[in-house]
Protein backbone atom coordinates (compact mmCIF):
# COMPACT_ATOMS: atom_id res chain seq x y z
CA UNK A 1 0.00 0.00 0.00
CA UNK A 2 1.29 3.48 -0.80
CA UNK A 3 1.78 6.40 1.52
CA UNK A 4 1.10 10.10 0.99
CA UNK A 5 2.41 13.06 2.95
CA UNK A 6 0.69 16.42 2.66
CA UNK A 7 2.83 19.39 3.61
CA UNK A 8 1.81 23.01 3.96
CA UNK A 9 -1.79 22.37 4.97
CA UNK A 10 -3.13 25.60 6.43
CA UNK A 11 -4.45 25.66 9.99
CA UNK A 12 -8.07 26.26 9.01
CA UNK A 13 -8.17 23.29 6.62
CA UNK A 14 -6.47 21.11 9.22
CA UNK A 15 -9.02 22.13 11.86
CA UNK A 16 -11.97 21.53 9.53
CA UNK A 17 -10.58 18.12 8.60
CA UNK A 18 -10.20 17.25 12.30
CA UNK A 19 -13.81 18.30 12.99
CA UNK A 20 -15.17 16.32 10.01
CA UNK A 21 -13.21 13.25 11.06
CA UNK A 22 -14.58 13.49 14.61
CA UNK A 23 -18.10 14.01 13.28
CA UNK A 24 -17.80 10.80 11.26
CA UNK A 25 -16.11 8.93 14.11
CA UNK A 26 -12.86 8.22 12.30
CA UNK A 27 -9.24 9.32 12.31
CA UNK A 28 -8.08 12.22 10.18
CA UNK A 29 -6.20 9.76 7.99
CA UNK A 30 -9.35 7.69 7.46
CA UNK A 31 -11.29 10.88 6.74
CA UNK A 32 -8.83 11.91 4.03
CA UNK A 33 -9.04 8.43 2.49
CA UNK A 34 -12.85 8.65 2.48
CA UNK A 35 -12.80 12.12 0.91
CA UNK A 36 -10.41 11.00 -1.85
CA UNK A 37 -12.33 7.77 -2.46
CA UNK A 38 -15.64 9.66 -2.71
CA UNK A 39 -14.21 12.34 -4.98
CA UNK A 40 -12.48 9.90 -7.32
CA UNK A 41 -15.20 7.24 -7.34
CA UNK A 42 -17.13 8.83 -10.19
CA UNK A 43 -16.69 7.73 -13.78
CA UNK A 44 -13.65 8.86 -15.70
CA UNK A 45 -14.25 11.75 -18.10
CA UNK A 46 -15.76 10.64 -21.40
CA UNK A 47 -13.22 12.65 -23.37
CA UNK A 48 -9.73 13.97 -22.85
CA UNK A 49 -8.51 17.52 -22.52
CA UNK A 50 -7.61 17.81 -26.22
CA UNK A 51 -11.09 16.72 -27.26
CA UNK A 52 -12.65 19.19 -24.83
CA UNK A 53 -10.54 22.06 -26.22
CA UNK A 54 -11.42 21.06 -29.79
CA UNK A 55 -15.12 21.02 -28.96
CA UNK A 56 -14.87 24.43 -27.32
CA UNK A 57 -13.32 26.07 -30.38
CA UNK A 58 -15.36 24.07 -32.91
CA UNK A 59 -18.38 25.95 -31.61
CA UNK A 60 -16.89 29.23 -32.89
CA UNK A 61 -15.71 27.95 -36.25
CA UNK A 62 -12.79 25.72 -35.36
CA UNK A 63 -9.76 25.39 -37.60
CA UNK A 64 -11.27 23.38 -40.44
CA UNK A 65 -10.91 26.26 -42.91
CA UNK A 66 -7.22 26.94 -42.20
CA UNK A 67 -4.84 26.46 -45.09
CA UNK A 68 -1.71 24.75 -43.85
CA UNK A 69 1.57 25.13 -45.74
CA UNK A 70 3.26 22.11 -47.27
CA UNK A 71 5.55 20.56 -44.65
CA UNK A 72 7.88 18.55 -46.89
CA UNK A 73 10.85 20.89 -46.42
CA UNK A 74 13.02 20.66 -43.31
CA UNK A 75 12.75 23.63 -41.00
CA UNK A 76 15.40 26.32 -41.40
CA UNK A 77 17.50 27.59 -38.54
CA UNK A 78 16.53 30.99 -37.19
CA UNK A 79 18.65 33.93 -38.35
CA UNK A 80 19.60 35.92 -35.28
CA UNK A 81 21.83 38.55 -36.94
CA UNK A 82 20.43 42.03 -36.64
C-alpha atoms as a PDB file:
ATOM      1  CA  UNK A   1       0.000   0.000   0.000  1.00  0.00           C
ATOM      2  CA  UNK A   2       1.291   3.480  -0.801  1.00  0.00           C
ATOM      3  CA  UNK A   3       1.775   6.396   1.518  1.00  0.00           C
ATOM      4  CA  UNK A   4       1.096  10.096   0.988  1.00  0.00           C
ATOM      5  CA  UNK A   5       2.409  13.059   2.953  1.00  0.00           C
ATOM      6  CA  UNK A   6       0.685  16.419   2.661  1.00  0.00           C
ATOM      7  CA  UNK A   7       2.830  19.395   3.607  1.00  0.00           C
ATOM      8  CA  UNK A   8       1.808  23.005   3.961  1.00  0.00           C
ATOM      9  CA  UNK A   9      -1.786  22.373   4.970  1.00  0.00           C
ATOM     10  CA  UNK A  10      -3.130  25.600   6.426  1.00  0.00           C
ATOM     11  CA  UNK A  11      -4.449  25.656   9.990  1.00  0.00           C
ATOM     12  CA  UNK A  12      -8.074  26.261   9.008  1.00  0.00           C
ATOM     13  CA  UNK A  13      -8.166  23.294   6.623  1.00  0.00           C
ATOM     14  CA  UNK A  14      -6.471  21.106   9.218  1.00  0.00           C
ATOM     15  CA  UNK A  15      -9.015  22.134  11.862  1.00  0.00           C
ATOM     16  CA  UNK A  16     -11.966  21.533   9.529  1.00  0.00           C
ATOM     17  CA  UNK A  17     -10.583  18.125   8.601  1.00  0.00           C
ATOM     18  CA  UNK A  18     -10.199  17.254  12.296  1.00  0.00           C
ATOM     19  CA  UNK A  19     -13.812  18.301  12.991  1.00  0.00           C
ATOM     20  CA  UNK A  20     -15.171  16.324  10.013  1.00  0.00           C
ATOM     21  CA  UNK A  21     -13.208  13.249  11.060  1.00  0.00           C
ATOM     22  CA  UNK A  22     -14.583  13.489  14.608  1.00  0.00           C
ATOM     23  CA  UNK A  23     -18.097  14.012  13.284  1.00  0.00           C
ATOM     24  CA  UNK A  24     -17.800  10.801  11.255  1.00  0.00           C
ATOM     25  CA  UNK A  25     -16.112   8.926  14.110  1.00  0.00           C
ATOM     26  CA  UNK A  26     -12.861   8.217  12.301  1.00  0.00           C
ATOM     27  CA  UNK A  27      -9.244   9.323  12.312  1.00  0.00           C
ATOM     28  CA  UNK A  28      -8.080  12.225  10.184  1.00  0.00           C
ATOM     29  CA  UNK A  29      -6.204   9.763   7.993  1.00  0.00           C
ATOM     30  CA  UNK A  30      -9.346   7.689   7.464  1.00  0.00           C
ATOM     31  CA  UNK A  31     -11.295  10.879   6.745  1.00  0.00           C
ATOM     32  CA  UNK A  32      -8.829  11.909   4.031  1.00  0.00           C
ATOM     33  CA  UNK A  33      -9.036   8.427   2.492  1.00  0.00           C
ATOM     34  CA  UNK A  34     -12.847   8.646   2.482  1.00  0.00           C
ATOM     35  CA  UNK A  35     -12.801  12.120   0.907  1.00  0.00           C
ATOM     36  CA  UNK A  36     -10.414  10.999  -1.846  1.00  0.00           C
ATOM     37  CA  UNK A  37     -12.333   7.772  -2.460  1.00  0.00           C
ATOM     38  CA  UNK A  38     -15.641   9.665  -2.708  1.00  0.00           C
ATOM     39  CA  UNK A  39     -14.213  12.343  -4.977  1.00  0.00           C
ATOM     40  CA  UNK A  40     -12.482   9.903  -7.316  1.00  0.00           C
ATOM     41  CA  UNK A  41     -15.205   7.242  -7.339  1.00  0.00           C
ATOM     42  CA  UNK A  42     -17.126   8.832 -10.193  1.00  0.00           C
ATOM     43  CA  UNK A  43     -16.690   7.734 -13.778  1.00  0.00           C
ATOM     44  CA  UNK A  44     -13.649   8.859 -15.697  1.00  0.00           C
ATOM     45  CA  UNK A  45     -14.248  11.753 -18.100  1.00  0.00           C
ATOM     46  CA  UNK A  46     -15.763  10.645 -21.397  1.00  0.00           C
ATOM     47  CA  UNK A  47     -13.219  12.648 -23.369  1.00  0.00           C
ATOM     48  CA  UNK A  48      -9.731  13.967 -22.852  1.00  0.00           C
ATOM     49  CA  UNK A  49      -8.506  17.525 -22.525  1.00  0.00           C
ATOM     50  CA  UNK A  50      -7.608  17.806 -26.222  1.00  0.00           C
ATOM     51  CA  UNK A  51     -11.086  16.718 -27.264  1.00  0.00           C
ATOM     52  CA  UNK A  52     -12.648  19.194 -24.834  1.00  0.00           C
ATOM     53  CA  UNK A  53     -10.537  22.062 -26.220  1.00  0.00           C
ATOM     54  CA  UNK A  54     -11.416  21.057 -29.789  1.00  0.00           C
ATOM     55  CA  UNK A  55     -15.122  21.020 -28.962  1.00  0.00           C
ATOM     56  CA  UNK A  56     -14.869  24.432 -27.321  1.00  0.00           C
ATOM     57  CA  UNK A  57     -13.321  26.070 -30.376  1.00  0.00           C
ATOM     58  CA  UNK A  58     -15.357  24.073 -32.911  1.00  0.00           C
ATOM     59  CA  UNK A  59     -18.384  25.946 -31.605  1.00  0.00           C
ATOM     60  CA  UNK A  60     -16.893  29.232 -32.894  1.00  0.00           C
ATOM     61  CA  UNK A  61     -15.710  27.948 -36.252  1.00  0.00           C
ATOM     62  CA  UNK A  62     -12.786  25.719 -35.361  1.00  0.00           C
ATOM     63  CA  UNK A  63      -9.763  25.395 -37.605  1.00  0.00           C
ATOM     64  CA  UNK A  64     -11.269  23.379 -40.440  1.00  0.00           C
ATOM     65  CA  UNK A  65     -10.910  26.257 -42.907  1.00  0.00           C
ATOM     66  CA  UNK A  66      -7.219  26.941 -42.200  1.00  0.00           C
ATOM     67  CA  UNK A  67      -4.843  26.456 -45.095  1.00  0.00           C
ATOM     68  CA  UNK A  68      -1.712  24.745 -43.852  1.00  0.00           C
ATOM     69  CA  UNK A  69       1.567  25.126 -45.738  1.00  0.00           C
ATOM     70  CA  UNK A  70       3.264  22.106 -47.271  1.00  0.00           C
ATOM     71  CA  UNK A  71       5.550  20.563 -44.648  1.00  0.00           C
ATOM     72  CA  UNK A  72       7.884  18.550 -46.893  1.00  0.00           C
ATOM     73  CA  UNK A  73      10.854  20.891 -46.423  1.00  0.00           C
ATOM     74  CA  UNK A  74      13.016  20.662 -43.312  1.00  0.00           C
ATOM     75  CA  UNK A  75      12.748  23.632 -40.996  1.00  0.00           C
ATOM     76  CA  UNK A  76      15.395  26.316 -41.397  1.00  0.00           C
ATOM     77  CA  UNK A  77      17.505  27.593 -38.537  1.00  0.00           C
ATOM     78  CA  UNK A  78      16.531  30.993 -37.191  1.00  0.00           C
ATOM     79  CA  UNK A  79      18.653  33.930 -38.347  1.00  0.00           C
ATOM     80  CA  UNK A  80      19.601  35.922 -35.277  1.00  0.00           C
ATOM     81  CA  UNK A  81      21.831  38.547 -36.944  1.00  0.00           C
ATOM     82  CA  UNK A  82      20.430  42.032 -36.641  1.00  0.00           C
END
